[in-house]
Amino acid sequence: MLREGLTRVAEALATPLVPADYFDMFDPLRKGADLRGRIEEIHMETADAATIVIRAGADWAGHVPGQYVRIGVDIDGVRTWRPYSLTHGPRGDGRISVTVKAVPDGLVSNHLVRHTKPGTLVHLEQAAGDFVLPPEGGRFTFITAGSGITPVIGILRNLFPVTDDGVLRLERSANFDIVVVHVAPSEPESIFIDNLRSLDEAGAIRLIARYDDQHGILDVNALGELVPDLAERTTYACGPGGLLDALESFHDTKEVPLQVEKFRATYVEPGEGGTVTFAKSGVTIDVDGATTLMEAAEEAGVLMPSGCRMGICFTCVLPLKEGVVRDLRNGEITSVTESDNVRVQTCINAAAGACTFDH
């Protein structure tokens, strides 16, 4: 009873805030707080890619190598979330790392690489994703392009840690036979190439590095020449949507198992667009058929739930009361009458006619 009374007094004194808000000022990474992290180090890997080392909050539950973490960054008063693969090897100091490549028009990636300083607080979610290897081992081919190397380097660093004495060959990694086909526009733009070479030289992996300026664009139909025993392996691939689409078609034809990790959605040609109404917000806007509902709403000042912004995490779903929307990835039309109230992903759908959201 005394504790409850003291809590009520503290809440009354803190109004309009709550006591937890004051605790956040002094110890934002404490146990029980919203999961956050403090950026401690930033290391440039290439001219446009940086590894960001973050001290995670006390409630961080760890991860399985190959998983990603969603990071929330406040930019101009708007919190925006993006998923980034965890790239560190084993560490017991409570820190995690992600490697971010600044992409053209990438709001969060450019902010993290170009403008963020050590000491900055970011919001975190627990690790997620199933781009992971079976613990019992096996024979695998990794095919990566550009920043698609990030989940793979996390896996390799955990299997084959690199120390001052060289690459450690652990008992738990003895049953893994790994080939890495890594593609980059040029050698200077190849993220983690030195790390990959050291693993190759130590015999931990077999590295096949391909650079567009030297070897031309990778022809997936020539993979059998690069990896003669490809059909005897399981392929894991991460990179641009076009490459992954080509790999999916190739592996389907060859009946070779494939698992992919996509960082961006692949869109088809836009449709007609229409008038979009956000009923609770009292906002009505005219939207073309190429702009996602989320982007159009945010441009109009509507606060939207968001996460990966590529159709994976479903954080952005909103109830569509009536109207027609079009999935920009595949052109699929969703038509809703007033009695349906279907939930749709606003980050990958565009208006295909007039529609009204319960938001």
Protein backbone atom coordinates (compact mmCIF):
# COMPACT_ATOMS: atom_id res chain seq x y z
CA MET A 1 0.00 0.00 0.00
CA LEU A 2 2.81 2.41 0.91
CA ARG A 3 4.58 1.67 -2.38
CA GLU A 4 1.39 2.25 -4.39
CA GLY A 5 0.85 5.53 -2.56
CA LEU A 6 4.37 6.74 -3.24
CA THR A 7 3.97 5.78 -6.90
CA ARG A 8 0.79 7.86 -7.18
CA VAL A 9 2.52 10.84 -5.54
CA ALA A 10 5.46 10.53 -7.93
CA GLU A 11 3.14 10.35 -10.92
CA ALA A 12 1.24 13.41 -9.74
CA LEU A 13 4.46 15.40 -9.32
CA ALA A 14 5.76 14.29 -12.71
CA THR A 15 2.60 15.14 -14.66
CA PRO A 16 2.31 15.56 -17.64
CA LEU A 17 5.24 13.15 -17.80
CA VAL A 18 5.52 9.90 -15.87
CA PRO A 19 8.41 8.86 -13.58
CA ALA A 20 9.79 6.56 -16.29
CA ASP A 21 10.35 9.62 -18.50
CA TYR A 22 12.76 11.02 -15.90
CA PHE A 23 14.52 7.67 -15.53
CA ASP A 24 15.02 7.68 -19.31
CA MET A 25 16.95 10.94 -19.08
CA PHE A 26 19.55 9.41 -16.77
CA ASP A 27 19.58 5.72 -17.76
CA PRO A 28 17.84 5.13 -21.11
CA LEU A 29 19.43 1.69 -21.49
CA ARG A 30 18.17 0.37 -18.16
CA LYS A 31 16.29 -2.90 -17.78
CA GLY A 32 12.54 -2.45 -18.28
CA ALA A 33 12.86 0.66 -20.46
CA ASP A 34 11.86 0.81 -24.12
CA LEU A 35 14.65 -0.97 -25.96
CA ARG A 36 17.24 1.53 -27.13
CA GLY A 37 20.91 1.61 -27.99
CA ARG A 38 23.67 4.21 -27.78
CA ILE A 39 25.99 4.56 -30.77
CA GLU A 40 29.56 4.26 -29.49
CA GLU A 41 31.70 3.94 -32.63
CA ILE A 42 31.39 4.55 -36.37
CA HIS A 43 33.95 3.02 -38.75
CA MET A 44 33.93 3.76 -42.47
CA GLU A 45 34.26 0.55 -44.51
CA THR A 46 34.11 2.17 -47.96
CA ALA A 47 33.37 5.68 -49.21
CA ASP A 48 29.63 5.15 -48.66
CA ALA A 49 29.39 2.34 -46.09
CA ALA A 50 30.00 2.43 -42.35
CA THR A 51 29.95 -0.05 -39.48
CA ILE A 52 28.05 1.35 -36.51
CA VAL A 53 28.78 -0.10 -33.08
CA ILE A 54 25.88 0.20 -30.63
CA ARG A 55 25.66 -0.52 -26.92
CA ALA A 56 22.27 -2.20 -26.67
CA GLY A 57 19.88 -1.75 -23.76
CA ALA A 58 19.82 -4.21 -20.87
CA ASP A 59 16.82 -6.07 -22.31
CA TRP A 60 18.56 -6.96 -25.59
CA ALA A 61 18.01 -10.71 -25.96
CA GLY A 62 20.80 -11.51 -28.41
CA HIS A 63 20.55 -12.89 -31.93
CA VAL A 64 21.28 -15.81 -34.21
CA PRO A 65 23.98 -15.03 -36.83
CA GLY A 66 22.29 -13.91 -40.05
CA GLN A 67 19.41 -12.11 -38.33
CA TYR A 68 18.64 -8.40 -38.55
CA VAL A 69 17.63 -5.70 -36.08
CA ARG A 70 15.15 -2.90 -36.79
CA ILE A 71 16.62 0.47 -35.84
CA GLY A 72 14.44 3.54 -35.26
CA VAL A 73 16.00 6.94 -35.92
CA ASP A 74 14.41 10.33 -35.24
CA ILE A 75 14.92 12.59 -38.26
CA ASP A 76 13.29 16.04 -38.33
CA GLY A 77 10.89 14.98 -35.60
CA VAL A 78 9.76 11.79 -37.35
CA ARG A 79 10.83 8.34 -36.13
CA THR A 80 11.69 6.13 -39.07
CA TRP A 81 12.60 2.45 -38.85
CA ARG A 82 14.87 0.37 -41.06
CA PRO A 83 16.13 -3.24 -40.79
CA TYR A 84 19.90 -3.83 -40.79
CA SER A 85 21.73 -7.13 -40.58
CA LEU A 86 23.91 -7.73 -37.52
CA THR A 87 27.50 -8.02 -38.70
CA HIS A 88 29.52 -8.72 -35.58
CA GLY A 89 31.09 -11.93 -34.41
CA PRO A 90 31.00 -13.27 -30.85
CA ARG A 91 31.26 -10.55 -28.22
CA GLY A 92 30.35 -10.44 -24.55
CA ASP A 93 30.48 -6.69 -23.96
CA GLY A 94 26.80 -5.95 -24.66
CA ARG A 95 27.54 -4.22 -27.94
CA ILE A 96 26.18 -5.01 -31.38
CA SER A 97 27.14 -3.76 -34.82
CA VAL A 98 25.43 -3.16 -38.14
CA THR A 99 26.98 -2.07 -41.42
CA VAL A 100 24.99 0.50 -43.37
CA LYS A 101 25.49 1.53 -46.98
CA ALA A 102 24.24 5.00 -47.88
CA VAL A 103 22.00 4.61 -50.93
CA PRO A 104 20.68 7.39 -53.18
CA ASP A 105 17.58 8.96 -51.61
CA GLY A 106 18.01 6.68 -48.59
CA LEU A 107 16.73 8.81 -45.71
CA VAL A 108 17.91 6.64 -42.82
CA SER A 109 21.02 5.14 -44.44
CA ASN A 110 22.42 8.56 -45.38
CA HIS A 111 21.58 9.93 -41.93
CA LEU A 112 23.39 7.08 -40.18
CA VAL A 113 26.45 7.09 -42.44
CA ARG A 114 26.86 10.84 -43.02
CA HIS A 115 25.42 12.64 -40.00
CA THR A 116 25.16 10.42 -36.91
CA LYS A 117 27.74 10.89 -34.14
CA PRO A 118 28.84 8.67 -31.25
CA GLY A 119 26.57 9.19 -28.26
CA THR A 120 23.39 9.26 -30.34
CA LEU A 121 20.50 7.20 -28.97
CA VAL A 122 18.57 4.99 -31.38
CA HIS A 123 15.52 2.80 -30.85
CA LEU A 124 15.83 -0.95 -31.28
CA GLU A 125 13.65 -3.99 -31.67
CA GLN A 126 14.69 -7.52 -30.84
CA ALA A 127 16.54 -9.43 -33.57
CA ALA A 128 14.44 -11.21 -36.18
CA GLY A 129 14.79 -13.09 -39.46
CA ASP A 130 15.35 -16.64 -40.67
CA PHE A 131 18.40 -16.13 -42.92
CA VAL A 132 20.36 -18.49 -40.67
CA LEU A 133 22.31 -21.70 -41.13
CA PRO A 134 21.33 -24.99 -39.50
CA PRO A 135 23.57 -25.60 -36.48
CA GLU A 136 24.47 -29.10 -37.64
CA GLY A 137 26.32 -27.72 -40.67
CA GLY A 138 26.26 -28.71 -44.33
CA ARG A 139 27.43 -27.55 -47.74
CA PHE A 140 26.41 -24.03 -48.68
CA THR A 141 26.90 -21.40 -51.38
CA PHE A 142 26.50 -17.76 -50.41
CA ILE A 143 25.76 -15.40 -53.30
CA THR A 144 25.92 -11.76 -52.26
CA ALA A 145 25.95 -8.42 -54.03
CA GLY A 146 26.82 -5.02 -52.57
CA SER A 147 25.50 -4.61 -49.03
CA GLY A 148 23.96 -8.07 -49.34
CA ILE A 149 27.20 -9.30 -47.77
CA THR A 150 26.12 -7.95 -44.35
CA PRO A 151 24.10 -10.94 -43.03
CA VAL A 152 26.70 -13.31 -44.46
CA ILE A 153 29.67 -11.61 -42.77
CA GLY A 154 27.85 -11.93 -39.45
CA ILE A 155 27.46 -15.67 -40.06
CA LEU A 156 31.09 -16.10 -41.13
CA ARG A 157 32.50 -14.08 -38.23
CA ASN A 158 30.63 -16.30 -35.80
CA LEU A 159 31.75 -19.51 -37.48
CA PHE A 160 35.35 -18.40 -38.05
CA PRO A 161 36.40 -15.64 -35.59
CA VAL A 162 39.48 -13.67 -36.62
CA THR A 163 42.04 -12.84 -33.91
CA ASP A 164 45.53 -11.35 -33.90
CA ASP A 165 46.79 -14.91 -34.29
CA GLY A 166 44.68 -15.55 -37.36
CA VAL A 167 41.41 -17.33 -38.12
CA LEU A 168 40.17 -19.64 -35.36
CA ARG A 169 38.94 -23.04 -36.52
CA LEU A 170 36.35 -24.01 -33.92
CA GLU A 171 34.86 -27.45 -33.41
CA ARG A 172 31.35 -26.12 -34.07
CA SER A 173 32.39 -24.91 -37.54
CA ALA A 174 34.06 -28.18 -38.62
CA ASN A 175 30.94 -29.44 -40.47
CA PHE A 176 30.48 -26.31 -42.62
CA ASP A 177 31.69 -26.30 -46.24
CA ILE A 178 31.10 -22.78 -47.60
CA VAL A 179 31.64 -21.10 -50.96
CA VAL A 180 31.09 -17.33 -51.16
CA VAL A 181 30.35 -15.69 -54.52
CA HIS A 182 30.61 -11.98 -53.76
CA VAL A 183 29.68 -9.36 -56.37
CA ALA A 184 30.49 -5.64 -56.21
CA PRO A 185 30.66 -2.78 -58.73
CA SER A 186 34.44 -2.54 -58.18
CA GLU A 187 37.06 -3.78 -55.75
CA PRO A 188 37.24 -0.48 -53.77
CA GLU A 189 33.44 -0.67 -53.29
CA SER A 190 33.56 -4.25 -52.03
CA ILE A 191 32.53 -4.24 -48.36
CA PHE A 192 34.49 -6.62 -46.10
CA ILE A 193 36.67 -7.86 -48.95
CA ASP A 194 39.77 -8.00 -46.69
CA ASN A 195 37.87 -10.08 -44.13
CA LEU A 196 36.65 -12.44 -46.85
CA ARG A 197 40.15 -12.82 -48.28
CA SER A 198 41.61 -13.67 -44.88
CA LEU A 199 39.00 -16.42 -44.45
CA ASP A 200 39.75 -17.70 -47.95
CA GLU A 201 43.51 -17.73 -47.34
CA ALA A 202 42.98 -19.63 -44.08
CA GLY A 203 40.92 -22.27 -45.88
CA ALA A 204 37.76 -21.46 -43.91
CA ILE A 205 35.79 -20.59 -47.07
CA ARG A 206 36.30 -20.55 -50.82
CA LEU A 207 35.91 -16.99 -52.10
CA ILE A 208 34.92 -16.11 -55.67
CA ALA A 209 35.00 -12.30 -55.98
CA ARG A 210 33.40 -10.75 -59.06
CA TYR A 211 33.65 -7.06 -59.93
CA ASP A 212 31.37 -5.49 -62.52
CA ASP A 213 34.15 -3.25 -63.88
CA GLN A 214 36.46 -6.24 -64.39
CA HIS A 215 34.21 -9.23 -65.04
CA GLY A 216 30.96 -7.67 -66.23
CA ILE A 217 27.54 -8.21 -64.67
CA LEU A 218 27.17 -11.63 -63.07
CA ASP A 219 25.40 -14.10 -65.34
CA VAL A 220 23.48 -16.44 -63.05
CA ASN A 221 23.41 -19.05 -65.82
CA ALA A 222 27.20 -19.31 -65.47
CA LEU A 223 27.06 -20.16 -61.76
CA GLY A 224 27.66 -23.81 -62.57
CA GLU A 225 31.06 -22.83 -64.01
CA LEU A 226 31.99 -20.77 -60.95
CA VAL A 227 30.71 -23.38 -58.49
CA PRO A 228 30.82 -26.79 -60.22
CA ASP A 229 29.18 -28.57 -57.28
CA LEU A 230 26.40 -25.95 -56.93
CA ALA A 231 23.68 -28.59 -57.24
CA GLU A 232 25.08 -30.41 -54.20
CA ARG A 233 24.82 -27.31 -52.02
CA THR A 234 22.09 -25.13 -50.53
CA THR A 235 22.28 -21.57 -51.80
CA TYR A 236 21.76 -18.51 -49.60
CA ALA A 237 21.50 -15.23 -51.51
CA CYS A 238 21.22 -11.60 -50.50
CA GLY A 239 21.36 -8.56 -52.74
CA PRO A 240 19.33 -6.40 -55.15
CA GLY A 241 15.87 -7.57 -56.18
CA GLY A 242 16.82 -8.13 -59.82
CA LEU A 243 19.63 -10.51 -58.91
CA LEU A 244 17.45 -12.41 -56.45
CA ASP A 245 14.65 -12.76 -59.02
CA ALA A 246 17.13 -14.18 -61.53
CA LEU A 247 18.55 -16.56 -58.92
CA GLU A 248 15.08 -17.77 -57.94
CA SER A 249 14.27 -18.57 -61.57
CA PHE A 250 17.63 -20.29 -62.11
CA HIS A 251 17.42 -22.39 -58.94
CA ASP A 252 13.82 -23.37 -59.65
CA THR A 253 14.88 -24.63 -63.07
CA LYS A 254 17.83 -26.55 -61.63
CA GLU A 255 15.81 -27.71 -58.59
CA VAL A 256 18.51 -26.45 -56.24
CA PRO A 257 17.41 -25.25 -52.77
CA LEU A 258 17.60 -21.47 -52.34
CA GLN A 259 16.97 -19.10 -49.46
CA VAL A 260 16.97 -15.35 -50.06
CA GLU A 261 17.15 -12.21 -47.93
CA LYS A 262 15.66 -9.13 -49.58
CA PHE A 263 16.49 -5.59 -48.51
CA ARG A 264 14.12 -3.84 -50.91
CA ALA A 265 10.85 -4.62 -52.59
CA THR A 266 10.75 -4.96 -56.37
CA TYR A 267 7.97 -2.89 -57.94
CA VAL A 268 6.03 -3.30 -61.16
CA GLU A 269 4.79 -0.43 -63.32
CA PRO A 270 2.43 2.01 -61.55
CA GLY A 271 -1.33 2.20 -62.02
CA GLU A 272 -3.80 5.06 -62.13
CA GLY A 273 -3.81 6.37 -58.55
CA GLY A 274 -6.78 8.02 -56.88
CA THR A 275 -8.12 10.02 -53.94
CA VAL A 276 -7.13 8.67 -50.52
CA THR A 277 -8.95 9.62 -47.32
CA PHE A 278 -7.63 9.03 -43.81
CA ALA A 279 -10.88 9.23 -41.89
CA LYS A 280 -9.63 9.68 -38.33
CA SER A 281 -6.92 12.13 -39.36
CA GLY A 282 -9.35 14.18 -41.45
CA VAL A 283 -6.96 14.26 -44.40
CA THR A 284 -7.81 13.65 -48.06
CA ILE A 285 -5.12 13.63 -50.74
CA ASP A 286 -4.79 12.89 -54.44
CA VAL A 287 -2.13 10.23 -55.02
CA ASP A 288 -0.58 8.95 -58.23
CA GLY A 289 -0.21 5.25 -58.93
CA ALA A 290 3.57 5.18 -58.41
CA THR A 291 3.70 6.53 -54.85
CA THR A 292 3.11 4.24 -51.90
CA LEU A 293 0.25 5.09 -49.59
CA MET A 294 2.73 5.52 -46.75
CA GLU A 295 4.92 8.00 -48.63
CA ALA A 296 1.93 10.02 -49.80
CA ALA A 297 0.43 10.15 -46.30
CA GLU A 298 3.70 11.22 -44.67
CA GLU A 299 4.17 13.91 -47.30
CA ALA A 300 0.74 15.24 -46.34
CA GLY A 301 1.64 15.26 -42.63
CA VAL A 302 -0.20 12.09 -41.57
CA LEU A 303 1.67 10.17 -38.86
CA MET A 304 1.96 6.60 -40.16
CA PRO A 305 3.07 3.37 -38.47
CA SER A 306 6.16 2.06 -40.23
CA GLY A 307 8.92 -0.49 -40.01
CA CYS A 308 10.92 -2.13 -42.78
CA ARG A 309 9.13 -0.19 -45.58
CA MET A 310 9.58 -3.15 -47.93
CA GLY A 311 6.60 -5.38 -47.22
CA ILE A 312 8.13 -7.79 -44.71
CA CYS A 313 7.41 -6.75 -41.12
CA PHE A 314 3.69 -5.75 -41.43
CA THR A 315 4.14 -2.86 -38.98
CA CYS A 316 2.52 -0.50 -41.48
CA VAL A 317 -0.82 -2.29 -41.96
CA LEU A 318 -3.95 -0.15 -41.72
CA PRO A 319 -7.66 -0.99 -42.08
CA LEU A 320 -8.95 -0.15 -45.56
CA LYS A 321 -12.65 0.66 -45.10
CA GLU A 322 -13.42 0.80 -48.81
CA GLY A 323 -11.69 1.35 -52.12
CA VAL A 324 -9.04 -0.19 -54.34
CA VAL A 325 -5.28 -0.46 -53.84
CA ARG A 326 -2.54 -2.05 -55.92
CA ASP A 327 0.50 -3.98 -54.68
CA LEU A 328 3.48 -2.32 -56.37
CA ARG A 329 5.55 -5.52 -56.19
CA ASN A 330 3.32 -7.68 -58.34
CA GLY A 331 0.37 -5.56 -59.51
CA GLU A 332 -2.17 -7.47 -57.41
CA ILE A 333 -5.37 -5.52 -56.85
CA THR A 334 -7.21 -5.49 -53.51
CA SER A 335 -10.79 -4.22 -53.72
CA VAL A 336 -12.66 -3.55 -50.48
CA THR A 337 -16.29 -2.70 -49.83
CA GLU A 338 -17.38 -0.85 -46.71
CA SER A 339 -18.31 -4.10 -44.97
CA ASP A 340 -14.92 -5.77 -45.55
CA ASN A 341 -12.50 -3.55 -43.58
CA VAL A 342 -9.38 -5.35 -44.87
CA ARG A 343 -5.95 -4.54 -43.44
CA VAL A 344 -3.38 -3.62 -46.10
CA GLN A 345 0.32 -2.84 -46.09
CA THR A 346 0.73 0.85 -46.84
CA CYS A 347 4.45 0.63 -47.60
CA ILE A 348 4.04 -1.47 -50.74
CA ASN A 349 0.54 -0.55 -51.92
CA ALA A 350 -0.57 2.43 -53.98
CA ALA A 351 -4.01 3.82 -54.72
CA ALA A 352 -5.77 2.23 -57.69
CA GLY A 353 -8.89 4.34 -57.28
CA ALA A 354 -10.60 6.20 -54.45
CA CYS A 355 -10.06 4.59 -51.04
CA THR A 356 -10.68 5.35 -47.37
CA PHE A 357 -8.57 4.22 -44.41
CA ASP A 358 -9.69 3.98 -40.80
CA HIS A 359 -6.71 6.00 -39.58
